[in-house]
PDB file of all heavy atoms in Angstrom:
ATOM      1  N   ALA A   1      21.644 -57.486  36.282  1.00  0.00           N
ATOM      2  CA  ALA A   1      22.889 -57.776  36.977  1.00  0.00           C
ATOM      3  C   ALA A   1      23.004 -59.250  37.337  1.00  0.00           C
ATOM      4  O   ALA A   1      24.083 -59.709  37.673  1.00  0.00           O
ATOM      5  CB  ALA A   1      22.980 -56.929  38.247  1.00  0.00           C
ATOM      6  N   GLU A   2      21.893 -59.984  37.260  1.00  0.00           N
ATOM      7  CA  GLU A   2      21.924 -61.412  37.571  1.00  0.00           C
ATOM      8  C   GLU A   2      22.506 -62.174  36.394  1.00  0.00           C
ATOM      9  O   GLU A   2      22.355 -61.790  35.234  1.00  0.00           O
ATOM     10  CB  GLU A   2      20.505 -61.907  37.867  1.00  0.00           C
ATOM     11  CG  GLU A   2      19.839 -61.256  39.064  1.00  0.00           C
ATOM     12  CD  GLU A   2      20.444 -61.718  40.366  1.00  0.00           C
ATOM     13  OE1 GLU A   2      21.119 -62.776  40.349  1.00  0.00           O
ATOM     14  OE2 GLU A   2      20.253 -61.029  41.369  1.00  0.00           O
ATOM     15  N   GLU A   3      23.146 -63.261  36.698  1.00  0.00           N
ATOM     16  CA  GLU A   3      23.776 -64.045  35.633  1.00  0.00           C
ATOM     17  C   GLU A   3      22.754 -64.759  34.761  1.00  0.00           C
ATOM     18  O   GLU A   3      22.857 -64.759  33.541  1.00  0.00           O
ATOM     19  CB  GLU A   3      24.740 -65.069  36.231  1.00  0.00           C
ATOM     20  CG  GLU A   3      25.515 -65.839  35.176  1.00  0.00           C
ATOM     21  CD  GLU A   3      26.536 -66.765  35.784  1.00  0.00           C
ATOM     22  OE1 GLU A   3      26.815 -66.641  36.988  1.00  0.00           O
ATOM     23  OE2 GLU A   3      27.053 -67.623  35.063  1.00  0.00           O
ATOM     24  N   ILE A   4      21.765 -65.383  35.382  1.00  0.00           N
ATOM     25  CA  ILE A   4      20.749 -66.116  34.627  1.00  0.00           C
ATOM     26  C   ILE A   4      19.371 -65.758  35.167  1.00  0.00           C
ATOM     27  O   ILE A   4      19.119 -65.878  36.371  1.00  0.00           O
ATOM     28  CB  ILE A   4      20.978 -67.631  34.710  1.00  0.00           C
ATOM     29  CG1 ILE A   4      22.293 -68.002  34.019  1.00  0.00           C
ATOM     30  CG2 ILE A   4      19.826 -68.396  34.060  1.00  0.00           C
ATOM     31  CD1 ILE A   4      22.610 -69.476  34.018  1.00  0.00           C
ATOM     32  N   GLN A   5      18.492 -65.310  34.281  1.00  0.00           N
ATOM     33  CA  GLN A   5      17.111 -65.005  34.630  1.00  0.00           C
ATOM     34  C   GLN A   5      16.213 -66.133  34.135  1.00  0.00           C
ATOM     35  O   GLN A   5      16.256 -66.509  32.970  1.00  0.00           O
ATOM     36  CB  GLN A   5      16.684 -63.683  34.001  1.00  0.00           C
ATOM     37  CG  GLN A   5      17.324 -62.453  34.624  1.00  0.00           C
ATOM     38  CD  GLN A   5      16.871 -62.237  36.055  1.00  0.00           C
ATOM     39  OE1 GLN A   5      15.703 -62.450  36.380  1.00  0.00           O
ATOM     40  NE2 GLN A   5      17.783 -61.811  36.909  1.00  0.00           N
ATOM     41  N   LEU A   6      15.394 -66.669  35.030  1.00  0.00           N
ATOM     42  CA  LEU A   6      14.566 -67.839  34.743  1.00  0.00           C
ATOM     43  C   LEU A   6      13.095 -67.516  34.948  1.00  0.00           C
ATOM     44  O   LEU A   6      12.716 -66.921  35.958  1.00  0.00           O
ATOM     45  CB  LEU A   6      14.975 -68.992  35.674  1.00  0.00           C
ATOM     46  CG  LEU A   6      14.085 -70.231  35.705  1.00  0.00           C
ATOM     47  CD1 LEU A   6      14.175 -71.004  34.398  1.00  0.00           C
ATOM     48  CD2 LEU A   6      14.474 -71.126  36.889  1.00  0.00           C
ATOM     49  N   VAL A   7      12.267 -67.904  33.984  1.00  0.00           N
ATOM     50  CA  VAL A   7      10.816 -67.782  34.109  1.00  0.00           C
ATOM     51  C   VAL A   7      10.214 -69.170  33.974  1.00  0.00           C
ATOM     52  O   VAL A   7      10.510 -69.903  33.013  1.00  0.00           O
ATOM     53  CB  VAL A   7      10.224 -66.856  33.033  1.00  0.00           C
ATOM     54  CG1 VAL A   7       8.706 -66.978  32.991  1.00  0.00           C
ATOM     55  CG2 VAL A   7      10.605 -65.411  33.307  1.00  0.00           C
ATOM     56  N   THR A   8       9.379 -69.552  34.944  1.00  0.00           N
ATOM     57  CA  THR A   8       8.662 -70.825  34.877  1.00  0.00           C
ATOM     58  C   THR A   8       7.165 -70.556  34.928  1.00  0.00           C
ATOM     59  O   THR A   8       6.727 -69.516  35.426  1.00  0.00           O
ATOM     60  CB  THR A   8       9.051 -71.750  36.045  1.00  0.00           C
ATOM     61  OG1 THR A   8       8.777 -71.079  37.292  1.00  0.00           O
ATOM     62  CG2 THR A   8      10.516 -72.119  35.986  1.00  0.00           C
ATOM     63  N   THR A   9       6.398 -71.496  34.418  1.00  0.00           N
ATOM     64  CA  THR A   9       4.947 -71.356  34.445  1.00  0.00           C
ATOM     65  C   THR A   9       4.303 -72.730  34.519  1.00  0.00           C
ATOM     66  O   THR A   9       4.895 -73.739  34.119  1.00  0.00           O
ATOM     67  CB  THR A   9       4.435 -70.604  33.195  1.00  0.00           C
ATOM     68  OG1 THR A   9       3.042 -70.328  33.344  1.00  0.00           O
ATOM     69  CG2 THR A   9       4.640 -71.433  31.933  1.00  0.00           C
ATOM     70  N   ASP A  10       3.068 -72.752  35.019  1.00  0.00           N
ATOM     71  CA  ASP A  10       2.301 -73.995  35.044  1.00  0.00           C
ATOM     72  C   ASP A  10       1.599 -74.243  33.717  1.00  0.00           C
ATOM     73  O   ASP A  10       1.284 -75.382  33.382  1.00  0.00           O
ATOM     74  CB  ASP A  10       1.254 -73.949  36.165  1.00  0.00           C
ATOM     75  CG  ASP A  10       1.893 -73.862  37.541  1.00  0.00           C
ATOM     76  OD1 ASP A  10       2.918 -74.540  37.755  1.00  0.00           O
ATOM     77  OD2 ASP A  10       1.376 -73.131  38.397  1.00  0.00           O
ATOM     78  N   TYR A  11       1.357 -73.139  32.975  1.00  0.00           N
ATOM     79  CA  TYR A  11       0.598 -73.295  31.732  1.00  0.00           C
ATOM     80  C   TYR A  11       0.911 -72.151  30.782  1.00  0.00           C
ATOM     81  O   TYR A  11       0.996 -70.992  31.196  1.00  0.00           O
ATOM     82  CB  TYR A  11      -0.907 -73.306  32.035  1.00  0.00           C
ATOM     83  CG  TYR A  11      -1.769 -73.559  30.827  1.00  0.00           C
ATOM     84  CD1 TYR A  11      -1.760 -74.788  30.191  1.00  0.00           C
ATOM     85  CD2 TYR A  11      -2.593 -72.558  30.316  1.00  0.00           C
ATOM     86  CE1 TYR A  11      -2.552 -75.032  29.075  1.00  0.00           C
ATOM     87  CE2 TYR A  11      -3.398 -72.785  29.199  1.00  0.00           C
ATOM     88  CZ  TYR A  11      -3.359 -74.031  28.586  1.00  0.00           C
ATOM     89  OH  TYR A  11      -4.138 -74.263  27.482  1.00  0.00           O
ATOM     90  N   GLN A  12       1.067 -72.493  29.501  1.00  0.00           N
ATOM     91  CA  GLN A  12       1.254 -71.499  28.444  1.00  0.00           C
ATOM     92  C   GLN A  12       0.004 -71.486  27.561  1.00  0.00           C
ATOM     93  O   GLN A  12      -0.407 -72.531  27.054  1.00  0.00           O
ATOM     94  CB  GLN A  12       2.476 -71.841  27.579  1.00  0.00           C
ATOM     95  CG  GLN A  12       3.794 -71.658  28.285  1.00  0.00           C
ATOM     96  CD  GLN A  12       4.987 -71.919  27.379  1.00  0.00           C
ATOM     97  OE1 GLN A  12       6.020 -71.280  27.518  1.00  0.00           O
ATOM     98  NE2 GLN A  12       4.862 -72.862  26.455  1.00  0.00           N
ATOM     99  N   THR A  13      -0.576 -70.319  27.384  1.00  0.00           N
ATOM    100  CA  THR A  13      -1.778 -70.219  26.562  1.00  0.00           C
ATOM    101  C   THR A  13      -1.469 -70.258  25.076  1.00  0.00           C
ATOM    102  O   THR A  13      -2.329 -70.604  24.264  1.00  0.00           O
ATOM    103  CB  THR A  13      -2.542 -68.925  26.877  1.00  0.00           C
ATOM    104  OG1 THR A  13      -1.671 -67.803  26.639  1.00  0.00           O
ATOM    105  CG2 THR A  13      -3.001 -68.910  28.324  1.00  0.00           C
ATOM    106  N   HIS A  14      -0.246 -69.874  24.690  1.00  0.00           N
ATOM    107  CA  HIS A  14       0.155 -69.889  23.285  1.00  0.00           C
ATOM    108  C   HIS A  14       1.522 -70.552  23.123  1.00  0.00           C
ATOM    109  O   HIS A  14       2.413 -70.006  22.476  1.00  0.00           O
ATOM    110  CB  HIS A  14       0.184 -68.463  22.709  1.00  0.00           C
ATOM    111  CG  HIS A  14      -1.166 -67.824  22.618  1.00  0.00           C
ATOM    112  ND1 HIS A  14      -1.761 -67.181  23.685  1.00  0.00           N
ATOM    113  CD2 HIS A  14      -2.057 -67.758  21.592  1.00  0.00           C
ATOM    114  CE1 HIS A  14      -2.948 -66.718  23.320  1.00  0.00           C
ATOM    115  NE2 HIS A  14      -3.144 -67.065  22.060  1.00  0.00           N
ATOM    116  N   GLY A  15       1.672 -71.717  23.733  1.00  0.00           N
ATOM    117  CA  GLY A  15       2.929 -72.437  23.615  1.00  0.00           C
ATOM    118  C   GLY A  15       3.194 -72.850  22.181  1.00  0.00           C
ATOM    119  O   GLY A  15       2.293 -73.273  21.462  1.00  0.00           O
ATOM    120  N   HIS A  16       4.436 -72.710  21.758  1.00  0.00           N
ATOM    121  CA  HIS A  16       4.786 -73.083  20.392  1.00  0.00           C
ATOM    122  C   HIS A  16       6.220 -73.592  20.350  1.00  0.00           C
ATOM    123  O   HIS A  16       7.010 -73.392  21.268  1.00  0.00           O
ATOM    124  CB  HIS A  16       4.612 -71.916  19.421  1.00  0.00           C
ATOM    125  CG  HIS A  16       5.488 -70.739  19.729  1.00  0.00           C
ATOM    126  ND1 HIS A  16       6.787 -70.639  19.286  1.00  0.00           N
ATOM    127  CD2 HIS A  16       5.265 -69.621  20.462  1.00  0.00           C
ATOM    128  CE1 HIS A  16       7.315 -69.495  19.710  1.00  0.00           C
ATOM    129  NE2 HIS A  16       6.419 -68.867  20.432  1.00  0.00           N
ATOM    130  N   GLY A  17       6.535 -74.269  19.243  1.00  0.00           N
ATOM    131  CA  GLY A  17       7.883 -74.777  19.036  1.00  0.00           C
ATOM    132  C   GLY A  17       8.538 -74.046  17.889  1.00  0.00           C
ATOM    133  O   GLY A  17       8.238 -72.885  17.603  1.00  0.00           O
ATOM    134  N   GLN A  18       9.450 -74.736  17.200  1.00  0.00           N
ATOM    135  CA  GLN A  18      10.170 -74.131  16.092  1.00  0.00           C
ATOM    136  C   GLN A  18       9.213 -73.772  14.960  1.00  0.00           C
ATOM    137  O   GLN A  18       8.295 -74.521  14.632  1.00  0.00           O
ATOM    138  CB  GLN A  18      11.226 -75.111  15.559  1.00  0.00           C
ATOM    139  CG  GLN A  18      12.326 -75.444  16.549  1.00  0.00           C
ATOM    140  CD  GLN A  18      13.399 -74.373  16.618  1.00  0.00           C
ATOM    141  OE1 GLN A  18      13.293 -73.322  16.000  1.00  0.00           O
ATOM    142  NE2 GLN A  18      14.445 -74.635  17.370  1.00  0.00           N
ATOM    143  N   VAL A  19       9.429 -72.602  14.371  1.00  0.00           N
ATOM    144  CA  VAL A  19       8.668 -72.127  13.208  1.00  0.00           C
ATOM    145  C   VAL A  19       7.168 -72.241  13.474  1.00  0.00           C
ATOM    146  O   VAL A  19       6.388 -72.741  12.662  1.00  0.00           O
ATOM    147  CB  VAL A  19       9.060 -72.901  11.931  1.00  0.00           C
ATOM    148  CG1 VAL A  19       8.555 -72.169  10.691  1.00  0.00           C
ATOM    149  CG2 VAL A  19      10.578 -73.041  11.842  1.00  0.00           C
ATOM    150  N   ASN A  20       6.745 -71.779  14.673  1.00  0.00           N
ATOM    151  CA  ASN A  20       5.342 -71.657  15.031  1.00  0.00           C
ATOM    152  C   ASN A  20       4.588 -72.976  15.113  1.00  0.00           C
ATOM    153  O   ASN A  20       3.357 -72.996  15.027  1.00  0.00           O
ATOM    154  CB  ASN A  20       4.617 -70.703  14.062  1.00  0.00           C
ATOM    155  CG  ASN A  20       5.143 -69.288  14.159  1.00  0.00           C
ATOM    156  OD1 ASN A  20       5.466 -68.818  15.255  1.00  0.00           O
ATOM    157  ND2 ASN A  20       5.252 -68.616  13.034  1.00  0.00           N
ATOM    158  N   THR A  21       5.279 -74.100  15.251  1.00  0.00           N
ATOM    159  CA  THR A  21       4.589 -75.344  15.523  1.00  0.00           C
ATOM    160  C   THR A  21       4.027 -75.295  16.944  1.00  0.00           C
ATOM    161  O   THR A  21       4.570 -74.638  17.823  1.00  0.00           O
ATOM    162  CB  THR A  21       5.535 -76.544  15.384  1.00  0.00           C
ATOM    163  OG1 THR A  21       6.677 -76.335  16.222  1.00  0.00           O
ATOM    164  CG2 THR A  21       5.976 -76.716  13.937  1.00  0.00           C
ATOM    165  N   VAL A  22       2.908 -75.990  17.155  1.00  0.00           N
ATOM    166  CA  VAL A  22       2.216 -75.932  18.444  1.00  0.00           C
ATOM    167  C   VAL A  22       2.874 -76.881  19.430  1.00  0.00           C
ATOM    168  O   VAL A  22       3.246 -78.003  19.086  1.00  0.00           O
ATOM    169  CB  VAL A  22       0.725 -76.305  18.277  1.00  0.00           C
ATOM    170  CG1 VAL A  22       0.022 -76.361  19.633  1.00  0.00           C
ATOM    171  CG2 VAL A  22       0.042 -75.299  17.360  1.00  0.00           C
ATOM    172  N   TRP A  23       3.041 -76.411  20.675  1.00  0.00           N
ATOM    173  CA  TRP A  23       3.567 -77.257  21.744  1.00  0.00           C
ATOM    174  C   TRP A  23       2.446 -77.525  22.723  1.00  0.00           C
ATOM    175  O   TRP A  23       1.977 -76.628  23.421  1.00  0.00           O
ATOM    176  CB  TRP A  23       4.746 -76.589  22.448  1.00  0.00           C
ATOM    177  CG  TRP A  23       5.305 -77.447  23.548  1.00  0.00           C
ATOM    178  CD1 TRP A  23       5.040 -77.352  24.883  1.00  0.00           C
ATOM    179  CD2 TRP A  23       6.177 -78.571  23.393  1.00  0.00           C
ATOM    180  NE1 TRP A  23       5.709 -78.326  25.579  1.00  0.00           N
ATOM    181  CE2 TRP A  23       6.415 -79.089  24.684  1.00  0.00           C
ATOM    182  CE3 TRP A  23       6.784 -79.183  22.291  1.00  0.00           C
ATOM    183  CZ2 TRP A  23       7.232 -80.198  24.914  1.00  0.00           C
ATOM    184  CZ3 TRP A  23       7.597 -80.279  22.516  1.00  0.00           C
ATOM    185  CH2 TRP A  23       7.811 -80.773  23.812  1.00  0.00           C
ATOM    186  N   GLU A  24       1.976 -78.780  22.775  1.00  0.00           N
ATOM    187  CA  GLU A  24       0.866 -79.161  23.654  1.00  0.00           C
ATOM    188  C   GLU A  24       1.390 -79.477  25.044  1.00  0.00           C
ATOM    189  O   GLU A  24       2.360 -80.224  25.206  1.00  0.00           O
ATOM    190  CB  GLU A  24       0.150 -80.388  23.092  1.00  0.00           C
ATOM    191  CG  GLU A  24      -0.944 -80.907  24.014  1.00  0.00           C
ATOM    192  CD  GLU A  24      -1.484 -82.264  23.593  1.00  0.00           C
ATOM    193  OE1 GLU A  24      -1.070 -82.771  22.521  1.00  0.00           O
ATOM    194  OE2 GLU A  24      -2.300 -82.820  24.347  1.00  0.00           O
ATOM    195  N   SER A  25       0.726 -78.929  26.061  1.00  0.00           N
ATOM    196  CA  SER A  25       1.108 -79.233  27.427  1.00  0.00           C
ATOM    197  C   SER A  25      -0.083 -79.036  28.343  1.00  0.00           C
ATOM    198  O   SER A  25      -0.681 -77.958  28.379  1.00  0.00           O
ATOM    199  CB  SER A  25       2.265 -78.332  27.886  1.00  0.00           C
ATOM    200  OG  SER A  25       2.639 -78.648  29.209  1.00  0.00           O
ATOM    201  N   ALA A  26      -0.452 -80.086  29.070  1.00  0.00           N
ATOM    202  CA  ALA A  26      -1.555 -80.003  30.019  1.00  0.00           C
ATOM    203  C   ALA A  26      -1.164 -79.115  31.194  1.00  0.00           C
ATOM    204  O   ALA A  26      -0.004 -79.051  31.602  1.00  0.00           O
ATOM    205  CB  ALA A  26      -1.937 -81.393  30.503  1.00  0.00           C
ATOM    206  N   ARG A  27      -2.148 -78.443  31.759  1.00  0.00           N
ATOM    207  CA  ARG A  27      -1.899 -77.489  32.840  1.00  0.00           C
ATOM    208  C   ARG A  27      -1.288 -78.164  34.069  1.00  0.00           C
ATOM    209  O   ARG A  27      -1.821 -79.133  34.604  1.00  0.00           O
ATOM    210  CB  ARG A  27      -3.211 -76.798  33.226  1.00  0.00           C
ATOM    211  CG  ARG A  27      -3.062 -75.673  34.243  1.00  0.00           C
ATOM    212  CD  ARG A  27      -4.417 -75.078  34.585  1.00  0.00           C
ATOM    213  NE  ARG A  27      -5.040 -74.487  33.418  1.00  0.00           N
ATOM    214  CZ  ARG A  27      -4.854 -73.228  33.006  1.00  0.00           C
ATOM    215  NH1 ARG A  27      -4.023 -72.453  33.690  1.00  0.00           N
ATOM    216  NH2 ARG A  27      -5.475 -72.766  31.937  1.00  0.00           N
ATOM    217  N   GLY A  28      -0.150 -77.636  34.502  1.00  0.00           N
ATOM    218  CA  GLY A  28       0.460 -78.074  35.747  1.00  0.00           C
ATOM    219  C   GLY A  28       1.123 -79.432  35.725  1.00  0.00           C
ATOM    220  O   GLY A  28       1.541 -79.929  36.776  1.00  0.00           O
ATOM    221  N   GLU A  29       1.266 -80.041  34.535  1.00  0.00           N
ATOM    222  CA  GLU A  29       1.791 -81.401  34.495  1.00  0.00           C
ATOM    223  C   GLU A  29       3.219 -81.496  33.956  1.00  0.00           C
ATOM    224  O   GLU A  29       3.907 -82.483  34.218  1.00  0.00           O
ATOM    225  CB  GLU A  29       0.868 -82.301  33.662  1.00  0.00           C
ATOM    226  CG  GLU A  29      -0.503 -82.484  34.301  1.00  0.00           C
ATOM    227  CD  GLU A  29      -1.372 -83.470  33.541  1.00  0.00           C
ATOM    228  OE1 GLU A  29      -0.919 -83.996  32.505  1.00  0.00           O
ATOM    229  OE2 GLU A  29      -2.510 -83.707  33.999  1.00  0.00           O
ATOM    230  N   ASN A  30       3.656 -80.495  33.209  1.00  0.00           N
ATOM    231  CA  ASN A  30       4.970 -80.569  32.574  1.00  0.00           C
ATOM    232  C   ASN A  30       5.863 -79.434  33.041  1.00  0.00           C
ATOM    233  O   ASN A  30       5.463 -78.599  33.845  1.00  0.00           O
ATOM    234  CB  ASN A  30       4.807 -80.568  31.053  1.00  0.00           C
ATOM    235  CG  ASN A  30       3.979 -81.750  30.575  1.00  0.00           C
ATOM    236  OD1 ASN A  30       4.127 -82.858  31.058  1.00  0.00           O
ATOM    237  ND2 ASN A  30       3.079 -81.493  29.629  1.00  0.00           N
ATOM    238  N   LEU A  31       7.071 -79.403  32.527  1.00  0.00           N
ATOM    239  CA  LEU A  31       8.037 -78.377  32.919  1.00  0.00           C
ATOM    240  C   LEU A  31       8.199 -77.399  31.760  1.00  0.00           C
ATOM    241  O   LEU A  31       8.706 -77.764  30.695  1.00  0.00           O
ATOM    242  CB  LEU A  31       9.366 -79.025  33.276  1.00  0.00           C
ATOM    243  CG  LEU A  31      10.443 -78.124  33.885  1.00  0.00           C
ATOM    244  CD1 LEU A  31       9.921 -77.415  35.126  1.00  0.00           C
ATOM    245  CD2 LEU A  31      11.686 -78.947  34.218  1.00  0.00           C
ATOM    246  N   LEU A  32       7.746 -76.171  31.954  1.00  0.00           N
ATOM    247  CA  LEU A  32       7.773 -75.136  30.931  1.00  0.00           C
ATOM    248  C   LEU A  32       8.576 -73.960  31.468  1.00  0.00           C
ATOM    249  O   LEU A  32       8.197 -73.343  32.468  1.00  0.00           O
ATOM    250  CB  LEU A  32       6.347 -74.673  30.593  1.00  0.00           C
ATOM    251  CG  LEU A  32       5.348 -75.785  30.240  1.00  0.00           C
ATOM    252  CD1 LEU A  32       3.942 -75.205  30.117  1.00  0.00           C
ATOM    253  CD2 LEU A  32       5.755 -76.494  28.960  1.00  0.00           C
ATOM    254  N   PHE A  33       9.698 -73.642  30.809  1.00  0.00           N
ATOM    255  CA  PHE A  33      10.527 -72.573  31.347  1.00  0.00           C
ATOM    256  C   PHE A  33      11.381 -71.955  30.255  1.00  0.00           C
ATOM    257  O   PHE A  33      11.639 -72.571  29.205  1.00  0.00           O
ATOM    258  CB  PHE A  33      11.410 -73.080  32.493  1.00  0.00           C
ATOM    259  CG  PHE A  33      12.415 -74.135  32.113  1.00  0.00           C
ATOM    260  CD1 PHE A  33      13.754 -73.810  31.927  1.00  0.00           C
ATOM    261  CD2 PHE A  33      12.043 -75.464  31.973  1.00  0.00           C
ATOM    262  CE1 PHE A  33      14.700 -74.774  31.599  1.00  0.00           C
ATOM    263  CE2 PHE A  33      12.981 -76.444  31.655  1.00  0.00           C
ATOM    264  CZ  PHE A  33      14.308 -76.095  31.465  1.00  0.00           C
TER     265      PHE A  33
END
């Protein structure tokens, strides 16, 4: 029923970009959502 659902995290264990490219991000330093 909410208009926008948002999930944020300090760290992604399997972060990826387009077509399974890896997205590197140090723990707690960037904005991942």
